[in-house]
Amino acid sequence: MFICVCNAIRDTELRHAARQHPGDADAVYACLGKTPQCGQCLDEAAEILIEERERAACGQLAPA
């Protein structure tokens, strides 16, 4: 599923990046070589970052 349509970022790509890079959605987008465009995805992206990092901390990684 696409999280960011403007940058064609899928949820799996964002989840993987969340485990690799610290910071907020803007920082993770930058690590992917992208920048938020319209901003509609940022709330959902932030939720995914928190969720994925909590899973990683508990050893419950979602399948990629």
N, C-alpha and C. Protein backbone atom coordinates (compact mmCIF):
# COMPACT_ATOMS: atom_id res chain seq x y z
N MET A 1 0.84 -1.17 0.00
CA MET A 1 0.00 0.00 0.00
C MET A 1 0.90 1.24 0.00
N PHE A 2 0.51 2.22 -0.77
CA PHE A 2 1.27 3.47 -0.80
C PHE A 2 0.89 4.33 0.40
N ILE A 3 1.90 4.80 1.10
CA ILE A 3 1.71 5.74 2.19
C ILE A 3 1.82 7.16 1.65
N CYS A 4 2.82 7.37 0.81
CA CYS A 4 3.04 8.68 0.19
C CYS A 4 2.89 8.52 -1.32
N VAL A 5 1.80 9.02 -1.85
CA VAL A 5 1.54 8.92 -3.28
C VAL A 5 2.49 9.84 -4.05
N CYS A 6 2.76 11.01 -3.52
CA CYS A 6 3.63 11.98 -4.21
C CYS A 6 5.02 11.41 -4.48
N ASN A 7 5.54 10.64 -3.51
CA ASN A 7 6.88 10.08 -3.62
C ASN A 7 6.89 8.58 -3.89
N ALA A 8 5.72 8.00 -4.06
CA ALA A 8 5.58 6.56 -4.31
C ALA A 8 6.30 5.74 -3.24
N ILE A 9 6.05 6.08 -1.96
CA ILE A 9 6.64 5.34 -0.84
C ILE A 9 5.60 4.36 -0.33
N ARG A 10 5.96 3.10 -0.35
CA ARG A 10 5.07 2.04 0.14
C ARG A 10 5.28 1.85 1.64
N ASP A 11 4.28 1.28 2.29
CA ASP A 11 4.38 1.05 3.73
C ASP A 11 5.56 0.15 4.07
N THR A 12 5.84 -0.86 3.25
CA THR A 12 6.96 -1.76 3.53
C THR A 12 8.29 -1.01 3.48
N GLU A 13 8.43 -0.11 2.54
CA GLU A 13 9.65 0.70 2.42
C GLU A 13 9.80 1.61 3.63
N LEU A 14 8.70 2.21 4.06
CA LEU A 14 8.74 3.10 5.22
C LEU A 14 9.05 2.33 6.50
N ARG A 15 8.46 1.14 6.64
CA ARG A 15 8.73 0.32 7.82
C ARG A 15 10.20 -0.09 7.89
N HIS A 16 10.76 -0.48 6.77
CA HIS A 16 12.17 -0.85 6.74
C HIS A 16 13.04 0.36 7.11
N ALA A 17 12.74 1.50 6.54
CA ALA A 17 13.50 2.72 6.82
C ALA A 17 13.37 3.12 8.29
N ALA A 18 12.22 2.89 8.88
CA ALA A 18 12.00 3.23 10.29
C ALA A 18 12.94 2.45 11.19
N ARG A 19 13.23 1.21 10.81
CA ARG A 19 14.14 0.38 11.61
C ARG A 19 15.60 0.77 11.39
N GLN A 20 15.90 1.41 10.28
CA GLN A 20 17.28 1.74 9.93
C GLN A 20 17.69 3.16 10.32
N HIS A 21 16.72 4.07 10.37
CA HIS A 21 17.04 5.49 10.55
C HIS A 21 16.22 6.10 11.67
N PRO A 22 16.87 6.85 12.56
CA PRO A 22 16.13 7.55 13.62
C PRO A 22 15.48 8.82 13.06
N GLY A 23 14.65 9.41 13.85
CA GLY A 23 14.07 10.70 13.48
C GLY A 23 12.62 10.61 13.09
N ASP A 24 12.08 11.77 12.76
CA ASP A 24 10.68 11.87 12.39
C ASP A 24 10.49 11.52 10.92
N ALA A 25 9.26 11.68 10.44
CA ALA A 25 8.95 11.33 9.06
C ALA A 25 9.81 12.11 8.07
N ASP A 26 10.01 13.39 8.32
CA ASP A 26 10.84 14.20 7.42
C ASP A 26 12.25 13.63 7.32
N ALA A 27 12.82 13.22 8.45
CA ALA A 27 14.17 12.67 8.47
C ALA A 27 14.24 11.33 7.74
N VAL A 28 13.23 10.50 7.95
CA VAL A 28 13.21 9.19 7.28
C VAL A 28 13.02 9.37 5.78
N TYR A 29 12.16 10.29 5.38
CA TYR A 29 11.99 10.57 3.95
C TYR A 29 13.34 11.00 3.36
N ALA A 30 14.06 11.86 4.08
CA ALA A 30 15.36 12.33 3.59
C ALA A 30 16.33 11.16 3.42
N CYS A 31 16.29 10.20 4.33
CA CYS A 31 17.15 9.01 4.21
C CYS A 31 16.78 8.19 2.98
N LEU A 32 15.54 8.31 2.55
CA LEU A 32 15.10 7.62 1.33
C LEU A 32 15.36 8.45 0.09
N GLY A 33 15.95 9.63 0.29
CA GLY A 33 16.25 10.51 -0.83
C GLY A 33 15.03 11.27 -1.33
N LYS A 34 14.05 11.45 -0.45
CA LYS A 34 12.80 12.11 -0.83
C LYS A 34 12.44 13.18 0.18
N THR A 35 11.53 14.05 -0.20
CA THR A 35 11.01 15.07 0.71
C THR A 35 9.49 15.06 0.61
N PRO A 36 8.81 15.30 1.73
CA PRO A 36 7.35 15.38 1.67
C PRO A 36 6.92 16.48 0.70
N GLN A 37 5.88 16.20 -0.06
CA GLN A 37 5.39 17.17 -1.04
C GLN A 37 4.13 17.86 -0.52
N CYS A 38 3.00 17.17 -0.56
CA CYS A 38 1.74 17.79 -0.16
C CYS A 38 1.52 17.72 1.35
N GLY A 39 2.18 16.75 2.03
CA GLY A 39 2.09 16.64 3.48
C GLY A 39 0.94 15.80 4.00
N GLN A 40 0.05 15.33 3.14
CA GLN A 40 -1.09 14.55 3.61
C GLN A 40 -0.70 13.22 4.22
N CYS A 41 0.47 12.72 3.91
CA CYS A 41 0.91 11.41 4.40
C CYS A 41 1.63 11.47 5.74
N LEU A 42 2.00 12.65 6.19
CA LEU A 42 2.91 12.75 7.33
C LEU A 42 2.34 12.19 8.63
N ASP A 43 1.05 12.38 8.90
CA ASP A 43 0.47 11.83 10.12
C ASP A 43 0.50 10.30 10.10
N GLU A 44 0.10 9.72 8.98
CA GLU A 44 0.12 8.26 8.87
C GLU A 44 1.55 7.73 8.89
N ALA A 45 2.45 8.43 8.24
CA ALA A 45 3.86 8.02 8.24
C ALA A 45 4.42 8.04 9.66
N ALA A 46 4.09 9.07 10.42
CA ALA A 46 4.57 9.17 11.80
C ALA A 46 4.03 8.01 12.64
N GLU A 47 2.77 7.64 12.44
CA GLU A 47 2.18 6.51 13.16
C GLU A 47 2.91 5.21 12.81
N ILE A 48 3.22 5.03 11.55
CA ILE A 48 3.93 3.83 11.11
C ILE A 48 5.33 3.78 11.71
N LEU A 49 6.01 4.91 11.76
CA LEU A 49 7.36 4.94 12.35
C LEU A 49 7.31 4.52 13.81
N ILE A 50 6.36 5.05 14.56
CA ILE A 50 6.22 4.70 15.98
C ILE A 50 5.90 3.22 16.12
N GLU A 51 4.92 2.75 15.36
CA GLU A 51 4.51 1.35 15.42
C GLU A 51 5.67 0.41 15.10
N GLU A 52 6.39 0.70 14.05
CA GLU A 52 7.47 -0.18 13.62
C GLU A 52 8.62 -0.17 14.62
N ARG A 53 8.93 0.97 15.17
CA ARG A 53 10.01 1.04 16.15
C ARG A 53 9.63 0.34 17.44
N GLU A 54 8.37 0.41 17.83
CA GLU A 54 7.91 -0.33 19.01
C GLU A 54 7.99 -1.83 18.77
N ARG A 55 7.60 -2.27 17.59
CA ARG A 55 7.71 -3.69 17.24
C ARG A 55 9.15 -4.15 17.27
N ALA A 56 10.03 -3.35 16.70
CA ALA A 56 11.45 -3.70 16.67
C ALA A 56 12.02 -3.80 18.08
N ALA A 57 11.60 -2.89 18.95
CA ALA A 57 12.09 -2.90 20.33
C ALA A 57 11.62 -4.14 21.07
N CYS A 58 10.46 -4.66 20.70
CA CYS A 58 9.91 -5.85 21.34
C CYS A 58 10.26 -7.14 20.60
N GLY A 59 10.97 -7.01 19.49
CA GLY A 59 11.34 -8.18 18.71
C GLY A 59 10.21 -8.75 17.89
N GLN A 60 9.22 -7.92 17.56
CA GLN A 60 8.06 -8.38 16.80
C GLN A 60 8.02 -7.71 15.44
N LEU A 61 9.02 -7.91 14.64
CA LEU A 61 9.09 -7.25 13.33
C LEU A 61 8.03 -7.78 12.39
N ALA A 62 7.42 -6.86 11.66
CA ALA A 62 6.44 -7.23 10.64
C ALA A 62 7.17 -7.78 9.43
N PRO A 63 6.56 -8.68 8.69
CA PRO A 63 7.22 -9.18 7.48
C PRO A 63 7.42 -8.06 6.47
N ALA A 64 8.55 -8.09 5.79
CA ALA A 64 8.87 -7.04 4.81
C ALA A 64 8.20 -7.29 3.50
